[in-house]
Amino acid sequence: MAIERITKYKVKQNRAGKWFWDEIAANGETIDTSGQSFSSQAAAVRACENAKARAAAAPIEVDSSAVGMNTLMRSLAAKRAAQPESQQLASWLLGESPAL
């Protein structure tokens, strides 16, 4: 699906006479904005076209640092659970052996 079908760009003027652009999602919510004002409609349209082109060319980066941290935490938890005192505590909590 082309990005034009899921988003649209709207150039508009505020009460002070300055121009802005917004990127509107298919559900009607604003997902991006120019963040600055422009003195003319043409300048706002040009800035909007530049932003649209940059967005389409932007690389996608995947940050998997959380996956590594989760793996490490699970590994440490498994090692801790395998320690004898942890097993004794678990048995005691389950009522399988006398209190520690």
N, C-alpha and C. Protein backbone atom coordinates (compact mmCIF):
# COMPACT_ATOMS: atom_id res chain seq x y z
N MET A 1 0.85 -1.18 0.00
CA MET A 1 0.00 0.00 0.00
C MET A 1 0.90 1.24 0.00
N ALA A 2 0.60 2.13 -0.87
CA ALA A 2 1.39 3.36 -0.97
C ALA A 2 1.13 4.27 0.22
N ILE A 3 2.15 5.02 0.61
CA ILE A 3 2.01 5.89 1.78
C ILE A 3 0.93 6.95 1.56
N GLU A 4 0.68 7.32 0.31
CA GLU A 4 -0.35 8.32 0.02
C GLU A 4 -1.74 7.82 0.42
N ARG A 5 -1.94 6.52 0.44
CA ARG A 5 -3.24 5.95 0.78
C ARG A 5 -3.46 5.87 2.27
N ILE A 6 -2.39 5.93 3.04
CA ILE A 6 -2.56 5.80 4.49
C ILE A 6 -2.32 7.12 5.23
N THR A 7 -1.73 8.09 4.57
CA THR A 7 -1.53 9.39 5.19
C THR A 7 -1.81 10.48 4.16
N LYS A 8 -2.04 11.67 4.66
CA LYS A 8 -2.15 12.82 3.77
C LYS A 8 -1.47 14.00 4.46
N TYR A 9 -1.14 14.98 3.67
CA TYR A 9 -0.51 16.19 4.18
C TYR A 9 -1.46 17.35 3.96
N LYS A 10 -1.54 18.22 4.96
CA LYS A 10 -2.43 19.37 4.86
C LYS A 10 -1.63 20.63 5.18
N VAL A 11 -1.66 21.60 4.26
CA VAL A 11 -1.01 22.89 4.47
C VAL A 11 -2.12 23.86 4.84
N LYS A 12 -1.91 24.59 5.94
CA LYS A 12 -2.95 25.51 6.41
C LYS A 12 -2.34 26.77 6.99
N GLN A 13 -3.17 27.79 7.09
CA GLN A 13 -2.75 29.09 7.60
C GLN A 13 -3.40 29.32 8.96
N ASN A 14 -2.62 29.88 9.90
CA ASN A 14 -3.18 30.18 11.22
C ASN A 14 -3.74 31.60 11.25
N ARG A 15 -4.26 32.01 12.39
CA ARG A 15 -4.87 33.34 12.53
C ARG A 15 -3.88 34.48 12.35
N ALA A 16 -2.62 34.20 12.63
CA ALA A 16 -1.59 35.23 12.49
C ALA A 16 -1.09 35.36 11.06
N GLY A 17 -1.61 34.52 10.16
CA GLY A 17 -1.21 34.61 8.76
C GLY A 17 -0.01 33.75 8.39
N LYS A 18 0.49 32.96 9.33
CA LYS A 18 1.63 32.08 9.07
C LYS A 18 1.12 30.73 8.55
N TRP A 19 1.96 30.05 7.78
CA TRP A 19 1.59 28.77 7.17
C TRP A 19 2.30 27.61 7.86
N PHE A 20 1.62 26.49 7.97
CA PHE A 20 2.14 25.27 8.58
C PHE A 20 1.72 24.08 7.74
N TRP A 21 2.33 22.93 7.96
CA TRP A 21 1.83 21.70 7.36
C TRP A 21 1.70 20.63 8.45
N ASP A 22 0.75 19.74 8.26
CA ASP A 22 0.52 18.60 9.15
C ASP A 22 0.45 17.34 8.32
N GLU A 23 0.93 16.23 8.91
CA GLU A 23 0.74 14.91 8.30
C GLU A 23 -0.40 14.26 9.05
N ILE A 24 -1.41 13.82 8.33
CA ILE A 24 -2.63 13.28 8.92
C ILE A 24 -2.71 11.79 8.62
N ALA A 25 -2.89 10.97 9.67
CA ALA A 25 -3.03 9.52 9.51
C ALA A 25 -4.40 9.19 8.92
N ALA A 26 -4.57 7.96 8.48
CA ALA A 26 -5.84 7.53 7.88
C ALA A 26 -6.99 7.67 8.86
N ASN A 27 -6.71 7.60 10.17
CA ASN A 27 -7.77 7.74 11.17
C ASN A 27 -8.07 9.21 11.50
N GLY A 28 -7.40 10.15 10.83
CA GLY A 28 -7.66 11.56 11.01
C GLY A 28 -6.80 12.26 12.06
N GLU A 29 -5.95 11.51 12.74
CA GLU A 29 -5.10 12.12 13.77
C GLU A 29 -3.83 12.69 13.16
N THR A 30 -3.39 13.82 13.70
CA THR A 30 -2.14 14.44 13.26
C THR A 30 -0.98 13.64 13.82
N ILE A 31 -0.09 13.15 12.95
CA ILE A 31 1.04 12.35 13.40
C ILE A 31 2.37 13.07 13.23
N ASP A 32 2.37 14.17 12.50
CA ASP A 32 3.59 14.96 12.34
C ASP A 32 3.18 16.38 11.97
N THR A 33 4.04 17.32 12.26
CA THR A 33 3.76 18.71 11.94
C THR A 33 5.05 19.40 11.54
N SER A 34 4.92 20.52 10.87
CA SER A 34 6.11 21.23 10.40
C SER A 34 6.97 21.71 11.56
N GLY A 35 6.36 22.04 12.68
CA GLY A 35 7.12 22.50 13.83
C GLY A 35 7.63 23.93 13.70
N GLN A 36 7.42 24.51 12.58
CA GLN A 36 7.80 25.91 12.38
C GLN A 36 6.81 26.55 11.43
N SER A 37 6.77 27.84 11.41
CA SER A 37 5.84 28.55 10.52
C SER A 37 6.58 29.01 9.27
N PHE A 38 5.80 29.25 8.23
CA PHE A 38 6.35 29.73 6.96
C PHE A 38 5.60 31.00 6.57
N SER A 39 6.28 31.89 5.89
CA SER A 39 5.67 33.17 5.55
C SER A 39 4.74 33.08 4.35
N SER A 40 4.87 32.01 3.56
CA SER A 40 4.00 31.88 2.39
C SER A 40 3.50 30.45 2.24
N GLN A 41 2.41 30.31 1.54
CA GLN A 41 1.86 28.99 1.28
C GLN A 41 2.85 28.16 0.46
N ALA A 42 3.48 28.79 -0.53
CA ALA A 42 4.44 28.09 -1.38
C ALA A 42 5.60 27.54 -0.57
N ALA A 43 6.09 28.32 0.38
CA ALA A 43 7.21 27.86 1.22
C ALA A 43 6.78 26.68 2.10
N ALA A 44 5.55 26.71 2.61
CA ALA A 44 5.05 25.61 3.43
C ALA A 44 4.87 24.35 2.60
N VAL A 45 4.37 24.49 1.39
CA VAL A 45 4.20 23.33 0.49
C VAL A 45 5.57 22.75 0.15
N ARG A 46 6.54 23.59 -0.16
CA ARG A 46 7.89 23.13 -0.48
C ARG A 46 8.50 22.38 0.70
N ALA A 47 8.35 22.90 1.92
CA ALA A 47 8.88 22.23 3.11
C ALA A 47 8.17 20.90 3.34
N CYS A 48 6.87 20.86 3.09
CA CYS A 48 6.11 19.63 3.23
C CYS A 48 6.59 18.58 2.24
N GLU A 49 6.82 18.97 1.00
CA GLU A 49 7.33 18.04 -0.02
C GLU A 49 8.70 17.50 0.37
N ASN A 50 9.55 18.37 0.92
CA ASN A 50 10.88 17.93 1.36
C ASN A 50 10.77 16.93 2.51
N ALA A 51 9.90 17.19 3.47
CA ALA A 51 9.72 16.29 4.62
C ALA A 51 9.20 14.94 4.16
N LYS A 52 8.26 14.95 3.23
CA LYS A 52 7.69 13.72 2.70
C LYS A 52 8.76 12.88 1.99
N ALA A 53 9.59 13.54 1.19
CA ALA A 53 10.66 12.83 0.47
C ALA A 53 11.69 12.25 1.44
N ARG A 54 12.06 13.03 2.47
CA ARG A 54 13.02 12.53 3.46
C ARG A 54 12.46 11.35 4.23
N ALA A 55 11.18 11.39 4.55
CA ALA A 55 10.56 10.29 5.30
C ALA A 55 10.58 9.00 4.49
N ALA A 56 10.31 9.11 3.20
CA ALA A 56 10.29 7.92 2.35
C ALA A 56 11.69 7.32 2.19
N ALA A 57 12.72 8.16 2.26
CA ALA A 57 14.09 7.69 2.08
C ALA A 57 14.77 7.31 3.38
N ALA A 58 14.10 7.54 4.50
CA ALA A 58 14.74 7.29 5.80
C ALA A 58 14.96 5.80 6.03
N PRO A 59 16.13 5.43 6.57
CA PRO A 59 16.38 4.02 6.87
C PRO A 59 15.56 3.56 8.08
N ILE A 60 15.30 2.27 8.14
CA ILE A 60 14.61 1.69 9.29
C ILE A 60 15.65 0.98 10.13
N GLU A 61 15.75 1.37 11.39
CA GLU A 61 16.69 0.75 12.31
C GLU A 61 15.91 -0.05 13.34
N VAL A 62 16.38 -1.24 13.65
CA VAL A 62 15.74 -2.09 14.65
C VAL A 62 16.63 -2.09 15.88
N ASP A 63 16.07 -1.69 17.00
CA ASP A 63 16.80 -1.67 18.27
C ASP A 63 16.40 -2.90 19.06
N SER A 64 17.32 -3.84 19.16
CA SER A 64 17.02 -5.09 19.86
C SER A 64 17.73 -5.15 21.22
N SER A 65 18.12 -4.01 21.75
CA SER A 65 18.84 -4.02 23.03
C SER A 65 17.97 -4.55 24.15
N ALA A 66 16.66 -4.30 24.11
CA ALA A 66 15.76 -4.81 25.14
C ALA A 66 15.69 -6.34 25.10
N VAL A 67 15.80 -6.92 23.92
CA VAL A 67 15.76 -8.38 23.79
C VAL A 67 16.96 -8.99 24.50
N GLY A 68 18.13 -8.40 24.30
CA GLY A 68 19.33 -8.90 24.97
C GLY A 68 19.23 -8.79 26.48
N MET A 69 18.68 -7.68 26.97
CA MET A 69 18.52 -7.48 28.41
C MET A 69 17.53 -8.49 28.98
N ASN A 70 16.42 -8.73 28.28
CA ASN A 70 15.44 -9.72 28.75
C ASN A 70 16.05 -11.11 28.80
N THR A 71 16.84 -11.46 27.80
CA THR A 71 17.50 -12.76 27.78
C THR A 71 18.45 -12.90 28.96
N LEU A 72 19.22 -11.86 29.23
CA LEU A 72 20.15 -11.88 30.36
C LEU A 72 19.40 -12.02 31.68
N MET A 73 18.33 -11.26 31.85
CA MET A 73 17.57 -11.32 33.10
C MET A 73 16.95 -12.70 33.31
N ARG A 74 16.43 -13.29 32.25
CA ARG A 74 15.86 -14.64 32.36
C ARG A 74 16.93 -15.66 32.70
N SER A 75 18.09 -15.51 32.11
CA SER A 75 19.21 -16.42 32.39
C SER A 75 19.63 -16.33 33.86
N LEU A 76 19.76 -15.08 34.36
CA LEU A 76 20.14 -14.91 35.77
C LEU A 76 19.06 -15.43 36.71
N ALA A 77 17.81 -15.23 36.36
CA ALA A 77 16.71 -15.73 37.20
C ALA A 77 16.71 -17.25 37.22
N ALA A 78 16.99 -17.88 36.08
CA ALA A 78 17.02 -19.34 36.02
C ALA A 78 18.17 -19.88 36.86
N LYS A 79 19.32 -19.23 36.81
CA LYS A 79 20.46 -19.66 37.62
C LYS A 79 20.15 -19.52 39.11
N ARG A 80 19.51 -18.41 39.46
CA ARG A 80 19.16 -18.16 40.86
C ARG A 80 18.15 -19.20 41.36
N ALA A 81 17.20 -19.54 40.52
CA ALA A 81 16.18 -20.53 40.89
C ALA A 81 16.79 -21.91 41.05
N ALA A 82 17.88 -22.17 40.35
CA ALA A 82 18.52 -23.49 40.42
C ALA A 82 19.41 -23.64 41.65
N GLN A 83 19.67 -22.57 42.38
CA GLN A 83 20.51 -22.65 43.57
C GLN A 83 19.77 -23.40 44.67
N PRO A 84 20.49 -24.19 45.48
CA PRO A 84 19.86 -25.02 46.50
C PRO A 84 18.98 -24.24 47.48
N GLU A 85 19.42 -23.05 47.94
CA GLU A 85 18.60 -22.32 48.91
C GLU A 85 17.28 -21.85 48.30
N SER A 86 17.31 -21.55 47.00
CA SER A 86 16.08 -21.15 46.33
C SER A 86 15.13 -22.33 46.23
N GLN A 87 15.69 -23.51 45.97
CA GLN A 87 14.86 -24.71 45.88
C GLN A 87 14.27 -25.05 47.25
N GLN A 88 15.08 -24.89 48.32
CA GLN A 88 14.58 -25.16 49.67
C GLN A 88 13.46 -24.19 50.02
N LEU A 89 13.64 -22.92 49.69
CA LEU A 89 12.62 -21.92 49.97
C LEU A 89 11.34 -22.23 49.21
N ALA A 90 11.49 -22.62 47.94
CA ALA A 90 10.31 -22.96 47.14
C ALA A 90 9.59 -24.16 47.75
N SER A 91 10.34 -25.16 48.19
CA SER A 91 9.74 -26.34 48.82
C SER A 91 9.03 -25.95 50.10
N TRP A 92 9.67 -25.08 50.88
CA TRP A 92 9.04 -24.64 52.12
C TRP A 92 7.75 -23.88 51.86
N LEU A 93 7.77 -23.00 50.86
CA LEU A 93 6.58 -22.25 50.51
C LEU A 93 5.44 -23.15 50.04
N LEU A 94 5.82 -24.26 49.41
CA LEU A 94 4.81 -25.21 48.94
C LEU A 94 4.41 -26.21 50.03
N GLY A 95 5.05 -26.10 51.20
CA GLY A 95 4.72 -26.99 52.31
C GLY A 95 5.30 -28.39 52.16
N GLU A 96 6.35 -28.51 51.38
CA GLU A 96 6.94 -29.83 51.11
C GLU A 96 8.07 -30.19 52.07
N SER A 97 8.56 -29.22 52.84
CA SER A 97 9.66 -29.54 53.78
C SER A 97 9.53 -28.64 55.00
N PRO A 98 10.25 -28.96 56.07
CA PRO A 98 10.20 -28.11 57.26
C PRO A 98 10.76 -26.73 56.99
N ALA A 99 10.39 -25.77 57.85
CA ALA A 99 10.86 -24.39 57.72
C ALA A 99 12.36 -24.32 57.75
N LEU A 100 12.92 -23.32 57.11
CA LEU A 100 14.38 -23.15 57.02
C LEU A 100 14.99 -22.79 58.32
